[in-house]
Amino acid sequence: MSSLRAGLQGETLSYLHYASKYPVPFIVQLPPEKHGDLDALLQLGVRSSQGKLISIRELVSISDSVREQPVYHKDLLPVHYVTADLAGGRDSPLYGMFEIHAKLDQIKAPDGSSLQSYFVRQPDEAWRGYALKWDGEWQITYETFRDMGLAYGFGLILIYLLVVAQFGSYLTPLIIMAPIPLTVIGVMPGHALLGSQFTATSMIGTIALAGIIVRNSILLVDFIRLQLHQGKAFEAAIVDAAITRAQPIVLTGLAAMLGAFFILDDPIFNGLAISLIFGIFVSTVLTLVVIPTMYYAAYRRKYTRQAA
């Protein structure tokens, strides 16, 4: 048995102990070019009870047969598992998965029908025909982004209700939250520019951007309302708000961007850093333009009639 084990996977004979934490094993095995060679394996020798060296070939009989295959079930259904991994420059198997999916449409099942692919649910008719259910890392990725997307939407609803309670208006919160979708203009090109994939941490950064943008927008709108309360003209209040609040908004944005630079080279939180850096940069610039413009367009007639 030890001779077969040495031929198949190597046998540890002893260990070298020196100043390292772990000892180094001495492994006896066949040369790399003979791995998987049946003749080389059968030529290995074992000693008999009389001490004579005998090759393994003399002790075994070789026959071709089909090994009994295990039967797998999932959710009480018979399944066959097909596993693969992605190698090369792409670090996410999803890209390879979608490329394979496009080629699977050309394959015919043994019964002549087309092979149906399912990404997020089980096949409709599990006991009829042939179907493919994508699982594994894809399922984890889908559930992660689905849950974070739901959390993102729930967070936006809470932000809206909070701003409605603060300003007593249903229109003003929509103006304040208008720049949130504009973060995509910074997040997606930022990932493309640095050659990075959009990951779960990128999604976390996108969710965090919503709070940062709302804070900047509230600073502008609150200052506009304060200026109007003090009797300043509508157009002048909007211009003064953009000029006065620009410096604190830019400074806080720069502070957050500088903090994100420290995790830019982290293999896990790289996406979070890219989302924050590029998202904050673009959203800060656009907030100073979009919020005053939208507030002017929404309330121009109201304050024009009041002035008249």
Protein backbone atom coordinates (compact mmCIF):
# COMPACT_ATOMS: atom_id res chain seq x y z
CA MET A 1 0.00 0.00 0.00
CA SER A 2 2.81 2.43 0.82
CA SER A 3 4.43 1.75 -2.58
CA LEU A 4 1.17 2.56 -4.38
CA ARG A 5 0.71 5.67 -2.29
CA ALA A 6 4.27 6.77 -3.08
CA GLY A 7 3.63 6.28 -6.77
CA LEU A 8 0.29 8.03 -6.82
CA GLN A 9 0.75 10.99 -4.50
CA GLY A 10 4.15 10.62 -2.85
CA GLU A 11 5.24 9.19 0.50
CA THR A 12 6.78 11.23 3.31
CA LEU A 13 9.87 9.44 4.64
CA SER A 14 11.20 11.94 7.16
CA TYR A 15 11.28 15.59 8.14
CA LEU A 16 14.02 18.20 8.16
CA HIS A 17 14.05 20.24 11.37
CA TYR A 18 15.85 23.56 11.41
CA ALA A 19 15.18 27.14 12.49
CA SER A 20 11.84 27.40 10.67
CA LYS A 21 8.51 27.09 12.47
CA TYR A 22 7.38 24.02 10.52
CA PRO A 23 9.57 21.00 9.52
CA VAL A 24 10.20 20.33 5.82
CA PRO A 25 9.07 16.85 4.66
CA PHE A 26 11.18 14.52 2.50
CA ILE A 27 8.77 13.15 -0.12
CA VAL A 28 9.50 10.20 -2.41
CA GLN A 29 7.42 10.12 -5.59
CA LEU A 30 7.60 9.33 -9.30
CA PRO A 31 9.11 11.95 -11.66
CA PRO A 32 6.58 14.50 -12.90
CA GLU A 33 6.60 13.13 -16.45
CA LYS A 34 5.49 9.70 -15.14
CA HIS A 35 2.61 10.88 -13.02
CA GLY A 36 -0.50 9.10 -14.24
CA ASP A 37 1.54 6.47 -16.12
CA LEU A 38 0.09 3.04 -15.28
CA ASP A 39 3.16 1.12 -16.49
CA ALA A 40 5.46 3.19 -14.29
CA LEU A 41 3.22 2.53 -11.32
CA LEU A 42 3.12 -1.22 -11.92
CA GLN A 43 6.92 -1.37 -12.17
CA LEU A 44 7.28 -0.26 -8.56
CA GLY A 45 8.55 -3.04 -6.33
CA VAL A 46 7.53 -4.42 -2.97
CA ARG A 47 9.41 -6.92 -0.81
CA SER A 48 8.04 -10.35 -0.11
CA SER A 49 8.24 -12.13 3.23
CA GLN A 50 11.54 -13.67 2.05
CA GLY A 51 12.96 -10.22 1.28
CA LYS A 52 12.78 -10.65 -2.50
CA LEU A 53 11.82 -7.54 -4.54
CA ILE A 54 8.67 -8.15 -6.60
CA SER A 55 7.01 -5.70 -8.99
CA ILE A 56 3.41 -4.73 -8.33
CA ARG A 57 2.50 -6.02 -11.79
CA GLU A 58 3.01 -9.61 -10.56
CA LEU A 59 0.59 -9.12 -7.68
CA VAL A 60 -2.38 -7.52 -9.41
CA SER A 61 -4.66 -8.26 -12.35
CA ILE A 62 -5.75 -5.35 -14.56
CA SER A 63 -9.24 -5.06 -16.05
CA ASP A 64 -11.20 -2.22 -17.63
CA SER A 65 -14.47 -1.47 -15.88
CA VAL A 66 -16.81 1.42 -15.14
CA ARG A 67 -16.59 2.70 -11.63
CA GLU A 68 -19.90 2.94 -9.83
CA GLN A 69 -21.07 6.55 -10.03
CA PRO A 70 -22.62 8.30 -7.03
CA VAL A 71 -26.21 9.52 -7.29
CA TYR A 72 -26.75 13.13 -6.19
CA HIS A 73 -30.02 14.74 -5.20
CA LYS A 74 -30.94 18.30 -4.35
CA ASP A 75 -34.42 19.35 -3.22
CA LEU A 76 -35.47 15.70 -3.77
CA LEU A 77 -34.52 15.93 -7.47
CA PRO A 78 -31.78 13.96 -9.26
CA VAL A 79 -28.96 16.27 -10.36
CA HIS A 80 -25.52 16.14 -11.95
CA TYR A 81 -23.01 18.68 -10.71
CA VAL A 82 -20.72 20.38 -13.23
CA THR A 83 -18.02 22.50 -11.61
CA ALA A 84 -15.47 24.86 -13.11
CA ASP A 85 -13.26 27.78 -12.17
CA LEU A 86 -12.00 30.77 -14.09
CA ALA A 87 -8.32 31.37 -14.86
CA GLY A 88 -6.67 34.38 -16.42
CA GLY A 89 -6.99 38.11 -16.02
CA ARG A 90 -10.64 38.14 -14.93
CA ASP A 91 -11.14 37.59 -11.23
CA SER A 92 -14.88 36.95 -11.32
CA PRO A 93 -16.32 33.72 -12.75
CA LEU A 94 -19.53 35.52 -13.72
CA TYR A 95 -17.96 36.80 -16.94
CA GLY A 96 -17.04 33.29 -18.01
CA MET A 97 -20.45 32.04 -16.93
CA PHE A 98 -22.30 34.45 -19.21
CA GLU A 99 -20.01 33.58 -22.12
CA ILE A 100 -20.76 29.88 -21.61
CA HIS A 101 -24.48 30.62 -21.34
CA ALA A 102 -24.47 32.16 -24.83
CA LYS A 103 -22.91 28.99 -26.25
CA LEU A 104 -25.25 26.65 -24.37
CA ASP A 105 -28.18 27.98 -26.40
CA GLN A 106 -26.73 26.13 -29.41
CA ILE A 107 -26.66 22.75 -27.61
CA LYS A 108 -29.48 20.23 -28.04
CA ALA A 109 -30.48 17.97 -25.16
CA PRO A 110 -30.56 14.16 -25.68
CA ASP A 111 -34.32 14.31 -26.30
CA GLY A 112 -33.82 16.89 -29.07
CA SER A 113 -35.10 19.87 -27.10
CA SER A 114 -33.09 22.96 -26.26
CA LEU A 115 -31.27 23.14 -22.93
CA GLN A 116 -33.06 25.61 -20.68
CA SER A 117 -30.94 27.72 -18.30
CA TYR A 118 -32.18 29.08 -14.98
CA PHE A 119 -30.29 31.69 -12.97
CA VAL A 120 -32.35 32.58 -9.90
CA ARG A 121 -35.00 29.86 -9.58
CA GLN A 122 -35.51 26.15 -10.06
CA PRO A 123 -36.74 24.71 -13.40
CA ASP A 124 -40.48 24.97 -14.01
CA GLU A 125 -40.94 21.26 -14.81
CA ALA A 126 -38.27 19.45 -12.86
CA TRP A 127 -39.24 15.95 -14.03
CA ARG A 128 -39.54 16.71 -17.75
CA GLY A 129 -36.71 17.38 -20.19
CA TYR A 130 -33.27 18.74 -19.35
CA ALA A 131 -32.46 22.02 -17.62
CA LEU A 132 -29.43 23.79 -16.18
CA LYS A 133 -29.52 25.67 -12.86
CA TRP A 134 -26.62 28.06 -12.29
CA ASP A 135 -25.59 27.92 -8.64
CA GLY A 136 -22.54 28.34 -6.46
CA GLU A 137 -20.80 31.70 -6.52
CA TRP A 138 -23.36 33.10 -8.97
CA GLN A 139 -26.19 32.37 -6.53
CA ILE A 140 -24.27 34.02 -3.69
CA THR A 141 -23.53 37.08 -5.85
CA TYR A 142 -27.17 37.38 -6.92
CA GLU A 143 -28.49 37.13 -3.38
CA THR A 144 -25.90 39.62 -2.11
CA PHE A 145 -26.72 42.28 -4.70
CA ARG A 146 -30.45 41.60 -4.37
CA ASP A 147 -30.38 42.12 -0.60
CA MET A 148 -28.18 45.21 -0.85
CA GLY A 149 -30.41 46.62 -3.58
CA LEU A 150 -33.45 46.16 -1.34
CA ALA A 151 -31.58 47.80 1.53
CA TYR A 152 -30.62 50.67 -0.78
CA GLY A 153 -34.23 51.23 -1.82
CA PHE A 154 -35.46 51.00 1.79
CA GLY A 155 -32.80 53.50 2.83
CA LEU A 156 -33.88 55.96 0.13
CA ILE A 157 -37.48 55.74 1.35
CA LEU A 158 -36.41 56.48 4.93
CA ILE A 159 -34.27 59.41 3.74
CA TYR A 160 -37.23 60.79 1.81
CA LEU A 161 -39.56 60.54 4.81
CA LEU A 162 -36.96 62.13 7.08
CA VAL A 163 -36.49 65.10 4.73
CA VAL A 164 -40.26 65.46 4.32
CA ALA A 165 -40.58 65.73 8.09
CA GLN A 166 -37.75 68.27 8.20
CA PHE A 167 -38.91 70.64 5.43
CA GLY A 168 -42.67 69.97 5.45
CA SER A 169 -42.78 69.49 1.68
CA TYR A 170 -43.09 66.56 -0.69
CA LEU A 171 -41.32 68.30 -3.58
CA THR A 172 -38.21 69.58 -1.78
CA PRO A 173 -36.98 66.07 -0.80
CA LEU A 174 -37.19 65.02 -4.45
CA ILE A 175 -34.95 67.95 -5.36
CA ILE A 176 -32.54 67.08 -2.54
CA MET A 177 -32.35 63.43 -3.61
CA ALA A 178 -32.14 64.14 -7.34
CA PRO A 179 -28.31 63.95 -7.53
CA ILE A 180 -28.26 60.40 -6.07
CA PRO A 181 -28.67 58.65 -9.45
CA LEU A 182 -25.92 60.90 -10.83
CA THR A 183 -23.34 58.99 -8.75
CA VAL A 184 -23.41 56.35 -11.50
CA ILE A 185 -21.68 58.92 -13.73
CA GLY A 186 -18.70 58.77 -11.38
CA VAL A 187 -18.81 55.20 -10.05
CA MET A 188 -19.02 53.23 -13.30
CA PRO A 189 -16.44 55.21 -15.31
CA GLY A 190 -14.16 55.11 -12.26
CA HIS A 191 -14.18 51.32 -12.25
CA ALA A 192 -13.63 51.23 -16.01
CA LEU A 193 -10.76 53.73 -15.78
CA LEU A 194 -8.91 51.67 -13.16
CA GLY A 195 -9.79 48.33 -14.76
CA SER A 196 -11.68 47.07 -11.71
CA GLN A 197 -14.90 45.04 -11.56
CA PHE A 198 -18.01 46.27 -9.78
CA THR A 199 -18.05 44.18 -6.59
CA ALA A 200 -20.16 43.94 -3.45
CA THR A 201 -17.96 46.54 -1.72
CA SER A 202 -18.55 48.84 -4.72
CA MET A 203 -22.26 48.52 -4.03
CA ILE A 204 -21.67 49.37 -0.38
CA GLY A 205 -19.82 52.52 -1.46
CA THR A 206 -22.70 53.45 -3.76
CA ILE A 207 -25.15 53.12 -0.87
CA ALA A 208 -22.91 55.27 1.34
CA LEU A 209 -22.83 57.95 -1.36
CA ALA A 210 -26.56 58.48 -0.99
CA GLY A 211 -26.11 59.80 2.55
CA ILE A 212 -23.20 62.04 1.56
CA ILE A 213 -25.12 63.58 -1.35
CA VAL A 214 -28.24 64.18 0.73
CA ARG A 215 -26.15 65.95 3.36
CA ASN A 216 -24.65 68.31 0.75
CA SER A 217 -28.05 68.95 -0.81
CA ILE A 218 -29.60 69.75 2.57
CA LEU A 219 -26.85 72.28 3.23
CA LEU A 220 -27.73 74.10 0.01
CA VAL A 221 -31.51 73.96 0.35
CA ASP A 222 -31.45 74.92 4.02
CA PHE A 223 -29.29 77.95 3.27
CA ILE A 224 -31.60 79.01 0.42
CA ARG A 225 -34.63 78.82 2.71
CA LEU A 226 -32.74 80.75 5.41
CA GLN A 227 -31.88 83.52 2.95
CA LEU A 228 -35.48 83.72 1.74
CA HIS A 229 -36.72 83.89 5.33
CA GLN A 230 -34.43 86.86 5.86
CA GLY A 231 -36.07 88.67 2.93
CA LYS A 232 -33.48 88.19 0.19
CA ALA A 233 -34.62 87.93 -3.42
CA PHE A 234 -35.21 84.45 -4.78
CA GLU A 235 -32.49 84.48 -7.46
CA ALA A 236 -29.97 86.11 -5.13
CA ALA A 237 -30.66 83.56 -2.38
CA ILE A 238 -29.93 80.68 -4.74
CA VAL A 239 -26.69 82.23 -6.00
CA ASP A 240 -25.52 83.10 -2.48
CA ALA A 241 -26.27 79.57 -1.26
CA ALA A 242 -24.15 78.00 -4.01
CA ILE A 243 -21.27 80.38 -3.35
CA THR A 244 -21.37 80.22 0.45
CA ARG A 245 -21.87 76.48 0.82
CA ALA A 246 -19.43 75.50 -1.92
CA GLN A 247 -16.35 75.65 0.34
CA PRO A 248 -17.61 73.40 3.18
CA ILE A 249 -19.13 70.94 0.70
CA VAL A 250 -15.88 70.70 -1.30
CA LEU A 251 -13.74 70.39 1.83
CA THR A 252 -15.82 67.59 3.33
CA GLY A 253 -15.83 65.82 -0.04
CA LEU A 254 -12.05 66.06 -0.30
CA ALA A 255 -11.65 64.71 3.23
CA ALA A 256 -13.77 61.66 2.41
CA MET A 257 -11.90 61.10 -0.86
CA LEU A 258 -8.50 61.29 0.85
CA GLY A 259 -9.65 58.78 3.45
CA ALA A 260 -10.71 56.38 0.71
CA PHE A 261 -7.27 56.59 -0.95
CA PHE A 262 -5.78 54.54 1.89
CA ILE A 263 -7.85 51.47 0.94
CA LEU A 264 -7.54 51.90 -2.83
CA ASP A 265 -4.96 49.10 -3.16
CA ASP A 266 -6.80 46.71 -0.83
CA PRO A 267 -7.91 43.60 -2.77
CA ILE A 268 -11.26 43.42 -0.97
CA PHE A 269 -12.22 47.06 -0.34
CA ASN A 270 -10.83 48.36 -3.63
CA GLY A 271 -14.35 48.69 -5.05
CA LEU A 272 -15.50 50.66 -2.00
CA ALA A 273 -12.62 53.11 -2.42
CA ILE A 274 -13.28 53.61 -6.14
CA SER A 275 -16.99 54.23 -5.55
CA LEU A 276 -16.28 56.79 -2.84
CA ILE A 277 -13.48 58.63 -4.65
CA PHE A 278 -15.10 58.98 -8.08
CA GLY A 279 -18.66 59.13 -6.78
CA ILE A 280 -17.93 61.92 -4.30
CA PHE A 281 -15.94 63.88 -6.89
CA VAL A 282 -18.67 63.81 -9.52
CA SER A 283 -21.59 64.19 -7.11
CA THR A 284 -19.98 67.16 -5.34
CA VAL A 285 -19.50 69.02 -8.62
CA LEU A 286 -22.97 68.17 -9.90
CA THR A 287 -24.69 68.94 -6.59
CA LEU A 288 -23.47 72.53 -6.69
CA VAL A 289 -25.06 72.86 -10.13
CA VAL A 290 -28.08 70.54 -10.10
CA ILE A 291 -29.62 71.51 -6.74
CA PRO A 292 -29.70 75.30 -7.32
CA THR A 293 -30.95 74.79 -10.88
CA MET A 294 -33.72 72.39 -9.88
CA TYR A 295 -34.77 74.48 -6.88
CA TYR A 296 -35.00 77.53 -9.13
CA ALA A 297 -37.06 75.67 -11.73
CA ALA A 298 -39.41 74.18 -9.10
CA TYR A 299 -40.15 77.34 -7.04
CA ARG A 300 -39.55 80.16 -9.52
CA ARG A 301 -43.24 80.78 -10.20
CA LYS A 302 -44.16 80.61 -6.52
CA TYR A 303 -41.67 83.26 -5.38
CA THR A 304 -42.27 85.37 -8.51
CA ARG A 305 -45.97 85.64 -7.62
CA GLN A 306 -45.10 86.47 -4.01
CA ALA A 307 -42.73 89.22 -5.13
CA ALA A 308 -45.37 90.64 -7.44
